[in-house]
Amino acid sequence: MTSTPAETAFEECLAAFAQIHDTETLATRLAASGSGDIDIVWCTHDSPVGTLLLALAGDALVRVAFEREGFDVVLESLGERVGRRTLRAAAPADDLRRQLDEYFAGVRSNFETRTDLRLSSAPFRREVQSKLADIPYGTTASYAQVATNAGRPKAVRAVGSACATNPLPIVLPCHRVVRSDGGYGNYLGGEEAKRFLLDHEHAHAPAAARG
């Protein structure tokens, strides 16, 4: 029996849906197993500061990128530095995406996800970036303060470089580090995004603390 054009189109839609579902399931299983079959699983996620690219290596977050960075450029860099076996799938990042939505809704003040700082090659950069979440939500610290807290008070410029090259913005909140004169300093997402994040946290700090 020959299918009608409408039936054929419907069957093609069902097949496409099944393929997408299977890809998501496969990505989730591979990411959880750590089998090494995939180097990077990535997806995009809409936010008030624009579309974000989220990339995971295994079960750890390795990159958060802003659209202004150019997603093709970011993915090419990830291919060179992490591995070229990549798969686009949202399911492995479902928990992180939920946490991001909660953060932008003003009911989450920190992130609970494994992070991978392999893209920061310099030890001091990794040290600074790994401690960014110690800066309380809704507050800021100067580059000089961060350098002093790291035991290297003269390394203000190095702290600035660590923040400007932070591969996990928002999750590791380099936006909370500002210049001593109150200036925003360099930020991967741009000054407008940094201002939004600081204003957002200042406005929602009490609610986030209750959560």
N, C-alpha and C. Protein backbone atom coordinates (compact mmCIF):
# COMPACT_ATOMS: atom_id res chain seq x y z
N MET A 1 0.85 -1.21 0.00
CA MET A 1 0.00 0.00 0.00
C MET A 1 0.88 1.25 0.00
N THR A 2 0.63 2.14 -0.91
CA THR A 2 1.45 3.34 -1.06
C THR A 2 0.99 4.42 -0.08
N SER A 3 1.94 5.04 0.59
CA SER A 3 1.62 6.09 1.54
C SER A 3 1.28 7.37 0.81
N THR A 4 0.38 8.14 1.36
CA THR A 4 0.05 9.45 0.80
C THR A 4 1.17 10.41 1.15
N PRO A 5 1.28 11.54 0.44
CA PRO A 5 2.31 12.53 0.79
C PRO A 5 2.22 12.99 2.24
N ALA A 6 1.00 13.14 2.75
CA ALA A 6 0.85 13.59 4.14
C ALA A 6 1.37 12.53 5.10
N GLU A 7 1.08 11.24 4.79
CA GLU A 7 1.56 10.16 5.66
C GLU A 7 3.08 10.06 5.62
N THR A 8 3.63 10.24 4.44
CA THR A 8 5.09 10.20 4.30
C THR A 8 5.75 11.31 5.10
N ALA A 9 5.19 12.50 5.02
CA ALA A 9 5.74 13.64 5.77
C ALA A 9 5.65 13.38 7.26
N PHE A 10 4.53 12.79 7.70
CA PHE A 10 4.36 12.48 9.13
C PHE A 10 5.40 11.46 9.59
N GLU A 11 5.61 10.43 8.78
CA GLU A 11 6.59 9.41 9.12
C GLU A 11 8.00 10.00 9.19
N GLU A 12 8.30 10.91 8.28
CA GLU A 12 9.62 11.55 8.30
C GLU A 12 9.80 12.39 9.56
N CYS A 13 8.74 13.06 9.99
CA CYS A 13 8.79 13.85 11.22
C CYS A 13 9.03 12.95 12.42
N LEU A 14 8.33 11.80 12.47
CA LEU A 14 8.51 10.86 13.57
C LEU A 14 9.94 10.33 13.60
N ALA A 15 10.49 10.02 12.43
CA ALA A 15 11.86 9.51 12.36
C ALA A 15 12.86 10.55 12.83
N ALA A 16 12.62 11.81 12.44
CA ALA A 16 13.51 12.89 12.87
C ALA A 16 13.45 13.07 14.37
N PHE A 17 12.25 13.01 14.93
CA PHE A 17 12.09 13.15 16.38
C PHE A 17 12.81 12.02 17.11
N ALA A 18 12.66 10.79 16.60
CA ALA A 18 13.32 9.64 17.22
C ALA A 18 14.82 9.79 17.17
N GLN A 19 15.34 10.31 16.06
CA GLN A 19 16.78 10.50 15.94
C GLN A 19 17.29 11.52 16.95
N ILE A 20 16.55 12.61 17.12
CA ILE A 20 16.93 13.62 18.10
C ILE A 20 16.91 13.02 19.50
N HIS A 21 15.85 12.28 19.82
CA HIS A 21 15.72 11.67 21.15
C HIS A 21 16.87 10.71 21.40
N ASP A 22 17.19 9.89 20.37
CA ASP A 22 18.27 8.92 20.54
C ASP A 22 19.61 9.62 20.73
N THR A 23 19.82 10.74 20.02
CA THR A 23 21.06 11.49 20.17
C THR A 23 21.19 12.04 21.58
N GLU A 24 20.09 12.58 22.12
CA GLU A 24 20.12 13.11 23.48
C GLU A 24 20.41 11.99 24.48
N THR A 25 19.75 10.83 24.29
CA THR A 25 19.96 9.71 25.20
C THR A 25 21.39 9.21 25.12
N LEU A 26 21.90 9.09 23.89
CA LEU A 26 23.27 8.63 23.71
C LEU A 26 24.26 9.58 24.37
N ALA A 27 24.06 10.88 24.16
CA ALA A 27 24.97 11.87 24.75
C ALA A 27 24.96 11.79 26.27
N THR A 28 23.77 11.66 26.84
CA THR A 28 23.66 11.57 28.29
C THR A 28 24.40 10.35 28.83
N ARG A 29 24.18 9.21 28.18
CA ARG A 29 24.84 7.99 28.64
C ARG A 29 26.35 8.06 28.50
N LEU A 30 26.82 8.58 27.36
CA LEU A 30 28.25 8.67 27.15
C LEU A 30 28.91 9.65 28.11
N ALA A 31 28.25 10.78 28.36
CA ALA A 31 28.80 11.77 29.28
C ALA A 31 28.88 11.19 30.69
N ALA A 32 27.86 10.44 31.08
CA ALA A 32 27.83 9.87 32.43
C ALA A 32 28.84 8.73 32.59
N SER A 33 29.08 7.98 31.51
CA SER A 33 29.96 6.82 31.61
C SER A 33 31.43 7.18 31.62
N GLY A 34 31.77 8.37 31.07
CA GLY A 34 33.18 8.74 30.98
C GLY A 34 33.96 7.79 30.10
N SER A 35 33.31 7.24 29.10
CA SER A 35 33.94 6.23 28.25
C SER A 35 35.01 6.79 27.33
N GLY A 36 35.02 8.10 27.13
CA GLY A 36 36.01 8.69 26.25
C GLY A 36 35.61 8.68 24.79
N ASP A 37 34.40 8.22 24.48
CA ASP A 37 33.95 8.19 23.09
C ASP A 37 33.65 9.58 22.55
N ILE A 38 33.32 10.51 23.43
CA ILE A 38 33.04 11.89 23.05
C ILE A 38 33.89 12.81 23.90
N ASP A 39 34.56 13.78 23.25
CA ASP A 39 35.40 14.72 23.99
C ASP A 39 34.58 15.85 24.59
N ILE A 40 33.65 16.37 23.81
CA ILE A 40 32.86 17.53 24.23
C ILE A 40 31.39 17.32 23.87
N VAL A 41 30.52 17.55 24.85
CA VAL A 41 29.08 17.63 24.58
C VAL A 41 28.70 19.08 24.84
N TRP A 42 28.00 19.70 23.90
CA TRP A 42 27.69 21.11 24.05
C TRP A 42 26.25 21.40 23.65
N CYS A 43 25.80 22.55 24.14
CA CYS A 43 24.46 23.03 23.77
C CYS A 43 24.45 24.54 23.96
N THR A 44 23.37 25.16 23.55
CA THR A 44 23.19 26.59 23.80
C THR A 44 22.01 26.77 24.75
N HIS A 45 22.02 27.91 25.44
CA HIS A 45 20.96 28.18 26.41
C HIS A 45 20.67 29.67 26.43
N ASP A 46 19.41 30.03 26.29
CA ASP A 46 19.02 31.44 26.29
C ASP A 46 19.05 32.01 27.70
N SER A 47 19.49 33.26 27.81
CA SER A 47 19.57 33.93 29.11
C SER A 47 19.36 35.42 28.92
N PRO A 48 19.17 36.17 30.01
CA PRO A 48 19.01 37.62 29.89
C PRO A 48 20.25 38.34 29.36
N VAL A 49 21.41 37.68 29.38
CA VAL A 49 22.62 38.30 28.83
C VAL A 49 22.96 37.69 27.46
N GLY A 50 21.95 37.13 26.82
CA GLY A 50 22.15 36.57 25.50
C GLY A 50 22.29 35.06 25.53
N THR A 51 22.40 34.48 24.36
CA THR A 51 22.56 33.03 24.27
C THR A 51 23.93 32.62 24.77
N LEU A 52 23.96 31.58 25.59
CA LEU A 52 25.21 31.06 26.14
C LEU A 52 25.51 29.70 25.51
N LEU A 53 26.77 29.42 25.31
CA LEU A 53 27.21 28.09 24.91
C LEU A 53 27.74 27.38 26.14
N LEU A 54 27.26 26.18 26.40
CA LEU A 54 27.68 25.38 27.54
C LEU A 54 28.36 24.12 27.01
N ALA A 55 29.59 23.88 27.42
CA ALA A 55 30.34 22.73 26.94
C ALA A 55 30.83 21.89 28.11
N LEU A 56 30.60 20.59 28.02
CA LEU A 56 31.03 19.67 29.06
C LEU A 56 32.04 18.68 28.51
N ALA A 57 33.03 18.36 29.34
CA ALA A 57 33.98 17.30 29.06
C ALA A 57 33.73 16.22 30.11
N GLY A 58 33.15 15.12 29.70
CA GLY A 58 32.69 14.14 30.68
C GLY A 58 31.53 14.74 31.45
N ASP A 59 31.63 14.70 32.78
CA ASP A 59 30.54 15.28 33.58
C ASP A 59 30.95 16.63 34.17
N ALA A 60 32.00 17.24 33.63
CA ALA A 60 32.48 18.52 34.17
C ALA A 60 32.30 19.63 33.14
N LEU A 61 31.93 20.79 33.63
CA LEU A 61 31.76 21.97 32.77
C LEU A 61 33.14 22.52 32.42
N VAL A 62 33.40 22.63 31.13
CA VAL A 62 34.73 23.10 30.70
C VAL A 62 34.68 24.48 30.04
N ARG A 63 33.49 24.91 29.61
CA ARG A 63 33.42 26.21 28.94
C ARG A 63 32.00 26.77 29.00
N VAL A 64 31.92 28.05 29.33
CA VAL A 64 30.70 28.85 29.17
C VAL A 64 31.10 30.01 28.28
N ALA A 65 30.41 30.20 27.18
CA ALA A 65 30.80 31.25 26.24
C ALA A 65 29.61 32.14 25.91
N PHE A 66 29.91 33.41 25.70
CA PHE A 66 28.91 34.39 25.27
C PHE A 66 28.86 34.41 23.74
N GLU A 67 27.71 34.77 23.22
CA GLU A 67 27.52 34.79 21.77
C GLU A 67 28.49 35.75 21.09
N ARG A 68 28.84 36.81 21.76
CA ARG A 68 29.75 37.80 21.16
C ARG A 68 31.14 37.23 20.91
N GLU A 69 31.49 36.12 21.59
CA GLU A 69 32.79 35.49 21.36
C GLU A 69 32.83 34.73 20.04
N GLY A 70 31.64 34.40 19.50
CA GLY A 70 31.57 33.61 18.28
C GLY A 70 31.60 32.13 18.62
N PHE A 71 30.45 31.48 18.56
CA PHE A 71 30.40 30.08 18.97
C PHE A 71 31.25 29.18 18.09
N ASP A 72 31.33 29.48 16.80
CA ASP A 72 32.17 28.67 15.91
C ASP A 72 33.63 28.77 16.32
N VAL A 73 34.05 29.97 16.71
CA VAL A 73 35.43 30.16 17.16
C VAL A 73 35.69 29.39 18.45
N VAL A 74 34.74 29.47 19.38
CA VAL A 74 34.87 28.77 20.66
C VAL A 74 34.94 27.27 20.44
N LEU A 75 34.07 26.73 19.60
CA LEU A 75 34.06 25.29 19.34
C LEU A 75 35.33 24.84 18.64
N GLU A 76 35.84 25.66 17.76
CA GLU A 76 37.11 25.32 17.10
C GLU A 76 38.25 25.27 18.11
N SER A 77 38.26 26.24 19.04
CA SER A 77 39.28 26.25 20.08
C SER A 77 39.16 25.03 20.99
N LEU A 78 37.93 24.67 21.34
CA LEU A 78 37.72 23.47 22.16
C LEU A 78 38.20 22.23 21.43
N GLY A 79 37.98 22.18 20.13
CA GLY A 79 38.44 21.04 19.35
C GLY A 79 39.95 20.91 19.38
N GLU A 80 40.64 22.05 19.31
CA GLU A 80 42.11 22.03 19.33
C GLU A 80 42.67 21.69 20.71
N ARG A 81 41.99 22.14 21.76
CA ARG A 81 42.56 22.03 23.11
C ARG A 81 42.01 20.87 23.94
N VAL A 82 40.81 20.42 23.60
CA VAL A 82 40.19 19.33 24.36
C VAL A 82 40.03 18.08 23.51
N GLY A 83 39.49 18.23 22.32
CA GLY A 83 39.28 17.09 21.44
C GLY A 83 38.21 17.40 20.42
N ARG A 84 38.31 16.79 19.26
CA ARG A 84 37.41 17.13 18.16
C ARG A 84 36.18 16.24 18.07
N ARG A 85 36.08 15.26 18.95
CA ARG A 85 34.87 14.42 18.94
C ARG A 85 33.80 15.12 19.76
N THR A 86 32.97 15.90 19.07
CA THR A 86 31.96 16.72 19.74
C THR A 86 30.56 16.27 19.35
N LEU A 87 29.64 16.53 20.25
CA LEU A 87 28.23 16.19 20.01
C LEU A 87 27.37 17.29 20.60
N ARG A 88 26.44 17.78 19.80
CA ARG A 88 25.51 18.79 20.31
C ARG A 88 24.30 18.08 20.91
N ALA A 89 24.09 18.26 22.20
CA ALA A 89 22.96 17.66 22.90
C ALA A 89 22.72 18.43 24.19
N ALA A 90 21.47 18.71 24.49
CA ALA A 90 21.14 19.53 25.66
C ALA A 90 20.99 18.71 26.94
N ALA A 91 20.58 17.46 26.82
CA ALA A 91 20.24 16.67 28.01
C ALA A 91 21.36 16.59 29.05
N PRO A 92 22.63 16.38 28.66
CA PRO A 92 23.68 16.29 29.68
C PRO A 92 23.84 17.57 30.51
N ALA A 93 23.39 18.69 29.98
CA ALA A 93 23.51 19.97 30.70
C ALA A 93 22.20 20.39 31.35
N ASP A 94 21.24 19.49 31.43
CA ASP A 94 19.92 19.85 31.96
C ASP A 94 20.00 20.45 33.37
N ASP A 95 20.80 19.85 34.24
CA ASP A 95 20.89 20.34 35.61
C ASP A 95 21.51 21.73 35.65
N LEU A 96 22.57 21.94 34.88
CA LEU A 96 23.19 23.26 34.82
C LEU A 96 22.23 24.28 34.23
N ARG A 97 21.51 23.92 33.21
CA ARG A 97 20.55 24.85 32.60
C ARG A 97 19.47 25.25 33.61
N ARG A 98 19.04 24.27 34.40
CA ARG A 98 18.05 24.58 35.45
C ARG A 98 18.65 25.56 36.46
N GLN A 99 19.89 25.33 36.86
CA GLN A 99 20.54 26.21 37.82
C GLN A 99 20.71 27.62 37.25
N LEU A 100 21.04 27.72 35.98
CA LEU A 100 21.16 29.04 35.35
C LEU A 100 19.82 29.77 35.35
N ASP A 101 18.74 29.05 35.04
CA ASP A 101 17.41 29.66 35.07
C ASP A 101 17.08 30.15 36.48
N GLU A 102 17.43 29.36 37.49
CA GLU A 102 17.19 29.77 38.87
C GLU A 102 18.03 30.98 39.25
N TYR A 103 19.26 31.00 38.77
CA TYR A 103 20.13 32.16 39.04
C TYR A 103 19.52 33.43 38.44
N PHE A 104 19.11 33.36 37.20
CA PHE A 104 18.55 34.55 36.56
C PHE A 104 17.16 34.90 37.08
N ALA A 105 16.51 33.96 37.75
CA ALA A 105 15.24 34.26 38.40
C ALA A 105 15.46 34.87 39.78
N GLY A 106 16.71 34.92 40.23
CA GLY A 106 17.03 35.54 41.51
C GLY A 106 16.85 34.64 42.71
N VAL A 107 16.78 33.32 42.50
CA VAL A 107 16.57 32.41 43.63
C VAL A 107 17.76 31.48 43.84
N ARG A 108 18.84 31.68 43.14
CA ARG A 108 20.05 30.89 43.33
C ARG A 108 21.25 31.83 43.36
N SER A 109 22.13 31.63 44.35
CA SER A 109 23.28 32.51 44.50
C SER A 109 24.60 31.84 44.14
N ASN A 110 24.61 30.53 43.98
CA ASN A 110 25.84 29.84 43.59
C ASN A 110 25.48 28.60 42.77
N PHE A 111 26.48 28.01 42.16
CA PHE A 111 26.25 26.87 41.28
C PHE A 111 26.88 25.61 41.86
N GLU A 112 26.14 24.52 41.68
CA GLU A 112 26.60 23.23 42.17
C GLU A 112 26.84 22.32 40.97
N THR A 113 28.01 22.44 40.40
CA THR A 113 28.37 21.64 39.23
C THR A 113 29.88 21.44 39.21
N ARG A 114 30.31 20.32 38.71
CA ARG A 114 31.75 20.06 38.59
C ARG A 114 32.33 20.97 37.51
N THR A 115 33.51 21.50 37.78
CA THR A 115 34.15 22.39 36.82
C THR A 115 35.52 21.83 36.43
N ASP A 116 35.92 22.16 35.23
CA ASP A 116 37.21 21.72 34.67
C ASP A 116 37.92 22.95 34.13
N LEU A 117 39.04 23.30 34.74
CA LEU A 117 39.77 24.52 34.36
C LEU A 117 41.00 24.22 33.49
N ARG A 118 40.94 23.15 32.74
CA ARG A 118 42.10 22.79 31.91
C ARG A 118 42.43 23.85 30.86
N LEU A 119 41.44 24.67 30.48
CA LEU A 119 41.69 25.70 29.48
C LEU A 119 42.52 26.85 30.03
N SER A 120 42.67 26.92 31.34
CA SER A 120 43.55 27.93 31.96
C SER A 120 44.89 27.25 32.25
N SER A 121 45.86 27.53 31.42
CA SER A 121 47.13 26.81 31.51
C SER A 121 48.03 27.28 32.64
N ALA A 122 47.91 28.55 33.04
CA ALA A 122 48.80 29.09 34.07
C ALA A 122 48.27 28.75 35.46
N PRO A 123 49.10 28.20 36.33
CA PRO A 123 48.64 27.81 37.68
C PRO A 123 48.00 28.95 38.47
N PHE A 124 48.56 30.16 38.39
CA PHE A 124 48.00 31.27 39.16
C PHE A 124 46.62 31.64 38.63
N ARG A 125 46.44 31.58 37.33
CA ARG A 125 45.11 31.86 36.77
C ARG A 125 44.09 30.87 37.32
N ARG A 126 44.45 29.60 37.31
CA ARG A 126 43.53 28.57 37.82
C ARG A 126 43.23 28.80 39.30
N GLU A 127 44.26 29.21 40.05
CA GLU A 127 44.06 29.46 41.48
C GLU A 127 43.06 30.59 41.70
N VAL A 128 43.24 31.67 40.95
CA VAL A 128 42.33 32.81 41.08
C VAL A 128 40.92 32.41 40.67
N GLN A 129 40.80 31.75 39.53
CA GLN A 129 39.48 31.39 39.01
C GLN A 129 38.76 30.43 39.94
N SER A 130 39.49 29.51 40.54
CA SER A 130 38.85 28.52 41.41
C SER A 130 38.31 29.13 42.69
N LYS A 131 38.77 30.35 43.04
CA LYS A 131 38.32 30.99 44.28
C LYS A 131 37.34 32.14 44.04
N LEU A 132 36.95 32.35 42.80
CA LEU A 132 36.04 33.45 42.50
C LEU A 132 34.70 33.31 43.22
N ALA A 133 34.24 32.08 43.38
CA ALA A 133 32.94 31.87 44.04
C ALA A 133 32.98 32.20 45.52
N ASP A 134 34.19 32.45 46.07
CA ASP A 134 34.30 32.86 47.48
C ASP A 134 33.83 34.30 47.68
N ILE A 135 33.76 35.07 46.59
CA ILE A 135 33.26 36.44 46.69
C ILE A 135 31.75 36.36 46.84
N PRO A 136 31.19 36.85 47.93
CA PRO A 136 29.75 36.66 48.20
C PRO A 136 28.86 37.25 47.10
N TYR A 137 27.77 36.56 46.85
CA TYR A 137 26.75 37.01 45.92
C TYR A 137 26.26 38.40 46.32
N GLY A 138 26.13 39.27 45.34
CA GLY A 138 25.64 40.62 45.60
C GLY A 138 26.72 41.60 46.04
N THR A 139 27.98 41.15 46.10
CA THR A 139 29.08 42.02 46.49
C THR A 139 30.15 42.01 45.40
N THR A 140 31.14 42.87 45.56
CA THR A 140 32.27 42.90 44.63
C THR A 140 33.58 42.94 45.41
N ALA A 141 34.65 42.63 44.74
CA ALA A 141 36.00 42.76 45.29
C ALA A 141 36.86 43.38 44.20
N SER A 142 37.85 44.14 44.58
CA SER A 142 38.74 44.75 43.60
C SER A 142 39.80 43.74 43.17
N TYR A 143 40.39 44.01 42.02
CA TYR A 143 41.49 43.15 41.56
C TYR A 143 42.60 43.13 42.61
N ALA A 144 42.84 44.26 43.24
CA ALA A 144 43.88 44.34 44.27
C ALA A 144 43.54 43.48 45.48
N GLN A 145 42.26 43.48 45.87
CA GLN A 145 41.85 42.66 47.00
C GLN A 145 42.01 41.17 46.70
N VAL A 146 41.65 40.78 45.49
CA VAL A 146 41.78 39.38 45.10
C VAL A 146 43.25 38.97 45.09
N ALA A 147 44.11 39.85 44.59
CA ALA A 147 45.55 39.56 44.57
C ALA A 147 46.09 39.40 45.99
N THR A 148 45.66 40.28 46.88
CA THR A 148 46.11 40.20 48.27
C THR A 148 45.62 38.92 48.93
N ASN A 149 44.37 38.57 48.68
CA ASN A 149 43.82 37.34 49.26
C ASN A 149 44.52 36.09 48.73
N ALA A 150 45.08 36.20 47.54
CA ALA A 150 45.81 35.08 46.96
C ALA A 150 47.25 35.03 47.43
N GLY A 151 47.63 35.99 48.28
CA GLY A 151 48.99 36.02 48.80
C GLY A 151 50.01 36.66 47.88
N ARG A 152 49.53 37.34 46.84
CA ARG A 152 50.42 38.00 45.88
C ARG A 152 49.89 39.41 45.61
N PRO A 153 50.06 40.31 46.57
CA PRO A 153 49.46 41.64 46.47
C PRO A 153 49.91 42.46 45.26
N LYS A 154 51.06 42.12 44.70
CA LYS A 154 51.55 42.87 43.54
C LYS A 154 51.05 42.29 42.21
N ALA A 155 50.31 41.21 42.29
CA ALA A 155 49.88 40.52 41.06
C ALA A 155 48.52 41.01 40.58
N VAL A 156 48.27 42.30 40.68
CA VAL A 156 46.96 42.85 40.29
C VAL A 156 46.70 42.61 38.81
N ARG A 157 47.70 42.84 37.99
CA ARG A 157 47.52 42.65 36.54
C ARG A 157 47.26 41.18 36.22
N ALA A 158 47.93 40.29 36.92
CA ALA A 158 47.73 38.85 36.69
C ALA A 158 46.31 38.43 37.08
N VAL A 159 45.79 39.04 38.14
CA VAL A 159 44.40 38.76 38.54
C VAL A 159 43.45 39.24 37.45
N GLY A 160 43.73 40.43 36.92
CA GLY A 160 42.91 40.95 35.83
C GLY A 160 42.92 40.02 34.63
N SER A 161 44.07 39.47 34.32
CA SER A 161 44.19 38.54 33.20
C SER A 161 43.42 37.26 33.48
N ALA A 162 43.49 36.78 34.73
CA ALA A 162 42.76 35.56 35.11
C ALA A 162 41.25 35.76 34.97
N CYS A 163 40.77 36.92 35.34
CA CYS A 163 39.34 37.20 35.23
C CYS A 163 38.92 37.38 33.77
N ALA A 164 39.76 38.06 33.00
CA ALA A 164 39.43 38.33 31.60
C ALA A 164 39.44 37.06 30.76
N THR A 165 40.15 36.03 31.20
CA THR A 165 40.24 34.79 30.43
C THR A 165 39.52 33.63 31.11
N ASN A 166 38.72 33.93 32.12
CA ASN A 166 37.98 32.89 32.84
C ASN A 166 37.11 32.10 31.86
N PRO A 167 37.34 30.78 31.73
CA PRO A 167 36.55 30.01 30.77
C PRO A 167 35.14 29.68 31.23
N LEU A 168 34.83 29.99 32.50
CA LEU A 168 33.53 29.63 33.06
C LEU A 168 32.84 30.84 33.69
N PRO A 169 32.64 31.91 32.91
CA PRO A 169 31.97 33.09 33.47
C PRO A 169 30.57 32.75 33.96
N ILE A 170 30.08 33.56 34.86
CA ILE A 170 28.78 33.39 35.56
C ILE A 170 28.90 32.28 36.59
N VAL A 171 29.26 31.07 36.17
CA VAL A 171 29.40 29.95 37.12
C VAL A 171 30.55 30.22 38.09
N LEU A 172 31.70 30.64 37.58
CA LEU A 172 32.79 31.15 38.41
C LEU A 172 32.75 32.67 38.23
N PRO A 173 32.19 33.39 39.19
CA PRO A 173 31.73 34.77 38.98
C PRO A 173 32.82 35.84 38.94
N CYS A 174 33.57 35.86 37.84
CA CYS A 174 34.58 36.90 37.68
C CYS A 174 33.94 38.27 37.51
N HIS A 175 32.63 38.32 37.23
CA HIS A 175 31.96 39.62 37.11
C HIS A 175 31.93 40.36 38.45
N ARG A 176 32.18 39.66 39.55
CA ARG A 176 32.20 40.31 40.87
C ARG A 176 33.53 41.00 41.18
N VAL A 177 34.48 40.90 40.27
CA VAL A 177 35.78 41.55 40.46
C VAL A 177 35.81 42.82 39.61
N VAL A 178 36.08 43.94 40.25
CA VAL A 178 36.07 45.24 39.56
C VAL A 178 37.36 45.99 39.86
N ARG A 179 37.55 47.08 39.16
CA ARG A 179 38.74 47.90 39.40
C ARG A 179 38.59 48.69 40.69
N SER A 180 39.70 49.10 41.26
CA SER A 180 39.68 49.86 42.52
C SER A 180 38.94 51.18 42.37
N ASP A 181 38.92 51.73 41.15
CA ASP A 181 38.23 53.00 40.94
C ASP A 181 36.75 52.80 40.61
N GLY A 182 36.29 51.55 40.68
CA GLY A 182 34.89 51.26 40.40
C GLY A 182 34.60 50.87 38.97
N GLY A 183 35.62 50.95 38.11
CA GLY A 183 35.42 50.56 36.71
C GLY A 183 35.19 49.07 36.59
N TYR A 184 34.57 48.68 35.49
CA TYR A 184 34.20 47.27 35.32
C TYR A 184 35.38 46.38 34.92
N GLY A 185 36.32 46.91 34.17
CA GLY A 185 37.40 46.08 33.68
C GLY A 185 36.94 45.21 32.51
N ASN A 186 37.85 44.41 31.99
CA ASN A 186 37.52 43.56 30.84
C ASN A 186 36.63 42.39 31.27
N TYR A 187 35.70 42.02 30.38
CA TYR A 187 34.80 40.90 30.67
C TYR A 187 34.43 40.24 29.36
N LEU A 188 34.48 38.90 29.32
CA LEU A 188 34.20 38.18 28.07
C LEU A 188 32.84 38.53 27.50
N GLY A 189 31.87 38.76 28.37
CA GLY A 189 30.53 39.06 27.90
C GLY A 189 30.31 40.52 27.56
N GLY A 190 31.31 41.36 27.80
CA GLY A 190 31.18 42.78 27.54
C GLY A 190 30.71 43.54 28.78
N GLU A 191 30.92 44.84 28.78
CA GLU A 191 30.60 45.67 29.94
C GLU A 191 29.10 45.65 30.25
N GLU A 192 28.26 45.64 29.23
CA GLU A 192 26.81 45.66 29.47
C GLU A 192 26.37 44.40 30.23
N ALA A 193 26.92 43.25 29.84
CA ALA A 193 26.57 42.00 30.53
C ALA A 193 27.06 42.02 31.97
N LYS A 194 28.27 42.53 32.18
CA LYS A 194 28.83 42.59 33.54
C LYS A 194 27.98 43.50 34.41
N ARG A 195 27.57 44.64 33.88
CA ARG A 195 26.72 45.56 34.63
C ARG A 195 25.39 44.90 34.97
N PHE A 196 24.82 44.18 34.01
CA PHE A 196 23.54 43.51 34.26
C PHE A 196 23.69 42.50 35.40
N LEU A 197 24.74 41.68 35.37
CA LEU A 197 24.93 40.64 36.38
C LEU A 197 25.10 41.25 37.77
N LEU A 198 25.87 42.32 37.87
CA LEU A 198 26.07 42.96 39.17
C LEU A 198 24.78 43.59 39.67
N ASP A 199 24.05 44.28 38.80
CA ASP A 199 22.77 44.88 39.20
C ASP A 199 21.77 43.80 39.59
N HIS A 200 21.76 42.73 38.83
CA HIS A 200 20.84 41.62 39.10
C HIS A 200 21.11 41.02 40.48
N GLU A 201 22.38 40.77 40.80
CA GLU A 201 22.72 40.18 42.09
C GLU A 201 22.43 41.14 43.24
N HIS A 202 22.72 42.40 43.02
CA HIS A 202 22.46 43.39 44.08
C HIS A 202 20.95 43.45 44.38
N ALA A 203 20.14 43.37 43.33
CA ALA A 203 18.69 43.47 43.51
C ALA A 203 18.09 42.23 44.15
N HIS A 204 18.72 41.07 43.91
CA HIS A 204 18.13 39.81 44.38
C HIS A 204 18.88 39.16 45.54
N ALA A 205 19.89 39.83 46.06
CA ALA A 205 20.69 39.21 47.12
C ALA A 205 19.86 38.73 48.31
N PRO A 206 18.92 39.50 48.84
CA PRO A 206 18.13 39.01 49.98
C PRO A 206 17.34 37.76 49.65
N ALA A 207 16.69 37.75 48.48
CA ALA A 207 15.88 36.58 48.10
C ALA A 207 16.77 35.37 47.90
N ALA A 208 17.95 35.56 47.30
CA ALA A 208 18.86 34.45 47.07
C ALA A 208 19.36 33.88 48.40
N ALA A 209 19.60 34.76 49.34
CA ALA A 209 20.09 34.30 50.66
C ALA A 209 19.03 33.45 51.34
N ARG A 210 17.75 33.83 51.17
CA ARG A 210 16.68 33.03 51.77
C ARG A 210 16.57 31.67 51.10
N GLY A 211 16.91 31.63 49.76
CA GLY A 211 16.80 30.37 49.06
C GLY A 211 17.91 29.43 49.43
